């Protein structure tokens, strides 16, 4: 036999004085550099497909693109200052 006591049941049985939920959710926070590896290909030299934020006409959106060694994310992202100095150095 298994008994389950969740927070609401504990409150109703007066085992706890109160239930407090504190949380913060930040959506579409584009204040930090975002890079996610999606795929790696080794045909004709190594290249990777990454997802990053692009600035286009004053709006930020997620973009997926193939990159290779030497590509500059600053220029690929539409000149977003967060990616300044982010250059693909090594793929291995």
C-alpha atoms as a PDB file:
ATOM      1  CA  UNK A   1       0.000   0.000   0.000  1.00  0.00           C
ATOM      2  CA  UNK A   2       1.279   3.443  -0.895  1.00  0.00           C
ATOM      3  CA  UNK A   3       0.187   6.765   0.599  1.00  0.00           C
ATOM      4  CA  UNK A   4       0.763  10.053  -1.113  1.00  0.00           C
ATOM      5  CA  UNK A   5       0.746  13.403   0.658  1.00  0.00           C
ATOM      6  CA  UNK A   6       1.200  16.440  -1.549  1.00  0.00           C
ATOM      7  CA  UNK A   7       1.490  20.035  -0.375  1.00  0.00           C
ATOM      8  CA  UNK A   8      -2.235  20.784  -0.652  1.00  0.00           C
ATOM      9  CA  UNK A   9      -3.173  17.669   1.342  1.00  0.00           C
ATOM     10  CA  UNK A  10      -0.614  18.594   4.014  1.00  0.00           C
ATOM     11  CA  UNK A  11      -2.139  22.074   4.281  1.00  0.00           C
ATOM     12  CA  UNK A  12      -5.698  20.738   4.488  1.00  0.00           C
ATOM     13  CA  UNK A  13      -4.671  18.310   7.257  1.00  0.00           C
ATOM     14  CA  UNK A  14      -3.044  21.245   9.086  1.00  0.00           C
ATOM     15  CA  UNK A  15       0.404  19.650   8.983  1.00  0.00           C
ATOM     16  CA  UNK A  16       1.914  22.852   7.567  1.00  0.00           C
ATOM     17  CA  UNK A  17       0.955  26.475   8.229  1.00  0.00           C
ATOM     18  CA  UNK A  18       1.139  27.784   4.687  1.00  0.00           C
ATOM     19  CA  UNK A  19       2.246  26.996   1.164  1.00  0.00           C
ATOM     20  CA  UNK A  20       4.439  29.498  -0.600  1.00  0.00           C
ATOM     21  CA  UNK A  21       5.551  29.297  -4.210  1.00  0.00           C
ATOM     22  CA  UNK A  22       8.279  31.620  -5.381  1.00  0.00           C
ATOM     23  CA  UNK A  23       9.486  31.450  -8.930  1.00  0.00           C
ATOM     24  CA  UNK A  24      10.702  33.690 -11.676  1.00  0.00           C
ATOM     25  CA  UNK A  25      10.577  32.774 -15.322  1.00  0.00           C
ATOM     26  CA  UNK A  26      12.363  34.891 -17.869  1.00  0.00           C
ATOM     27  CA  UNK A  27      11.248  34.398 -21.418  1.00  0.00           C
ATOM     28  CA  UNK A  28      13.104  35.540 -24.511  1.00  0.00           C
ATOM     29  CA  UNK A  29      16.084  36.780 -22.538  1.00  0.00           C
ATOM     30  CA  UNK A  30      18.430  37.874 -25.297  1.00  0.00           C
ATOM     31  CA  UNK A  31      20.919  39.645 -23.044  1.00  0.00           C
ATOM     32  CA  UNK A  32      23.459  36.813 -23.113  1.00  0.00           C
ATOM     33  CA  UNK A  33      25.177  35.120 -26.015  1.00  0.00           C
ATOM     34  CA  UNK A  34      23.277  31.955 -26.974  1.00  0.00           C
ATOM     35  CA  UNK A  35      24.956  29.197 -29.007  1.00  0.00           C
ATOM     36  CA  UNK A  36      23.667  25.636 -29.363  1.00  0.00           C
ATOM     37  CA  UNK A  37      25.362  22.843 -31.331  1.00  0.00           C
ATOM     38  CA  UNK A  38      22.830  21.112 -33.583  1.00  0.00           C
ATOM     39  CA  UNK A  39      24.829  18.906 -35.988  1.00  0.00           C
ATOM     40  CA  UNK A  40      28.378  18.039 -37.092  1.00  0.00           C
ATOM     41  CA  UNK A  41      29.447  16.989 -40.612  1.00  0.00           C
ATOM     42  CA  UNK A  42      32.847  15.756 -41.660  1.00  0.00           C
ATOM     43  CA  UNK A  43      32.377  15.645 -45.454  1.00  0.00           C
ATOM     44  CA  UNK A  44      34.818  18.058 -47.178  1.00  0.00           C
ATOM     45  CA  UNK A  45      36.273  19.243 -43.873  1.00  0.00           C
ATOM     46  CA  UNK A  46      34.544  19.615 -40.547  1.00  0.00           C
ATOM     47  CA  UNK A  47      31.642  21.984 -40.255  1.00  0.00           C
ATOM     48  CA  UNK A  48      28.885  22.359 -37.694  1.00  0.00           C
ATOM     49  CA  UNK A  49      25.341  23.595 -37.652  1.00  0.00           C
ATOM     50  CA  UNK A  50      24.670  25.893 -34.716  1.00  0.00           C
ATOM     51  CA  UNK A  51      21.712  27.845 -33.431  1.00  0.00           C
ATOM     52  CA  UNK A  52      22.265  31.423 -32.279  1.00  0.00           C
ATOM     53  CA  UNK A  53      20.441  34.738 -31.957  1.00  0.00           C
ATOM     54  CA  UNK A  54      20.366  37.045 -34.956  1.00  0.00           C
ATOM     55  CA  UNK A  55      19.470  40.718 -34.985  1.00  0.00           C
ATOM     56  CA  UNK A  56      17.364  41.583 -38.008  1.00  0.00           C
ATOM     57  CA  UNK A  57      15.570  44.906 -38.415  1.00  0.00           C
ATOM     58  CA  UNK A  58      15.792  45.646 -34.697  1.00  0.00           C
ATOM     59  CA  UNK A  59      14.332  42.306 -33.620  1.00  0.00           C
ATOM     60  CA  UNK A  60      16.098  39.254 -32.192  1.00  0.00           C
ATOM     61  CA  UNK A  61      15.267  35.783 -33.503  1.00  0.00           C
ATOM     62  CA  UNK A  62      16.865  32.337 -33.353  1.00  0.00           C
ATOM     63  CA  UNK A  63      18.757  31.305 -36.455  1.00  0.00           C
ATOM     64  CA  UNK A  64      20.279  27.952 -37.444  1.00  0.00           C
ATOM     65  CA  UNK A  65      23.248  28.028 -39.809  1.00  0.00           C
ATOM     66  CA  UNK A  66      26.187  25.910 -40.955  1.00  0.00           C
ATOM     67  CA  UNK A  67      29.543  27.381 -39.879  1.00  0.00           C
ATOM     68  CA  UNK A  68      33.153  26.385 -40.445  1.00  0.00           C
ATOM     69  CA  UNK A  69      36.492  27.259 -38.929  1.00  0.00           C
ATOM     70  CA  UNK A  70      37.213  30.986 -39.119  1.00  0.00           C
ATOM     71  CA  UNK A  71      33.575  32.151 -39.279  1.00  0.00           C
ATOM     72  CA  UNK A  72      32.776  35.229 -37.187  1.00  0.00           C
ATOM     73  CA  UNK A  73      29.515  35.059 -35.223  1.00  0.00           C
ATOM     74  CA  UNK A  74      29.467  38.832 -34.888  1.00  0.00           C
ATOM     75  CA  UNK A  75      28.965  39.284 -38.614  1.00  0.00           C
ATOM     76  CA  UNK A  76      26.682  36.236 -38.945  1.00  0.00           C
ATOM     77  CA  UNK A  77      24.405  37.543 -36.188  1.00  0.00           C
ATOM     78  CA  UNK A  78      23.789  40.865 -37.896  1.00  0.00           C
ATOM     79  CA  UNK A  79      26.315  42.761 -35.794  1.00  0.00           C
ATOM     80  CA  UNK A  80      25.051  41.846 -32.327  1.00  0.00           C
ATOM     81  CA  UNK A  81      27.588  43.203 -29.847  1.00  0.00           C
ATOM     82  CA  UNK A  82      27.172  40.128 -27.617  1.00  0.00           C
ATOM     83  CA  UNK A  83      28.922  38.007 -30.257  1.00  0.00           C
ATOM     84  CA  UNK A  84      31.847  40.388 -30.796  1.00  0.00           C
ATOM     85  CA  UNK A  85      35.035  38.322 -30.665  1.00  0.00           C
ATOM     86  CA  UNK A  86      33.189  34.996 -31.097  1.00  0.00           C
ATOM     87  CA  UNK A  87      35.118  33.309 -33.908  1.00  0.00           C
ATOM     88  CA  UNK A  88      34.996  29.594 -34.663  1.00  0.00           C
ATOM     89  CA  UNK A  89      38.607  28.555 -33.957  1.00  0.00           C
ATOM     90  CA  UNK A  90      38.621  24.772 -33.717  1.00  0.00           C
ATOM     91  CA  UNK A  91      36.181  22.054 -34.707  1.00  0.00           C
ATOM     92  CA  UNK A  92      37.188  18.594 -33.640  1.00  0.00           C
END
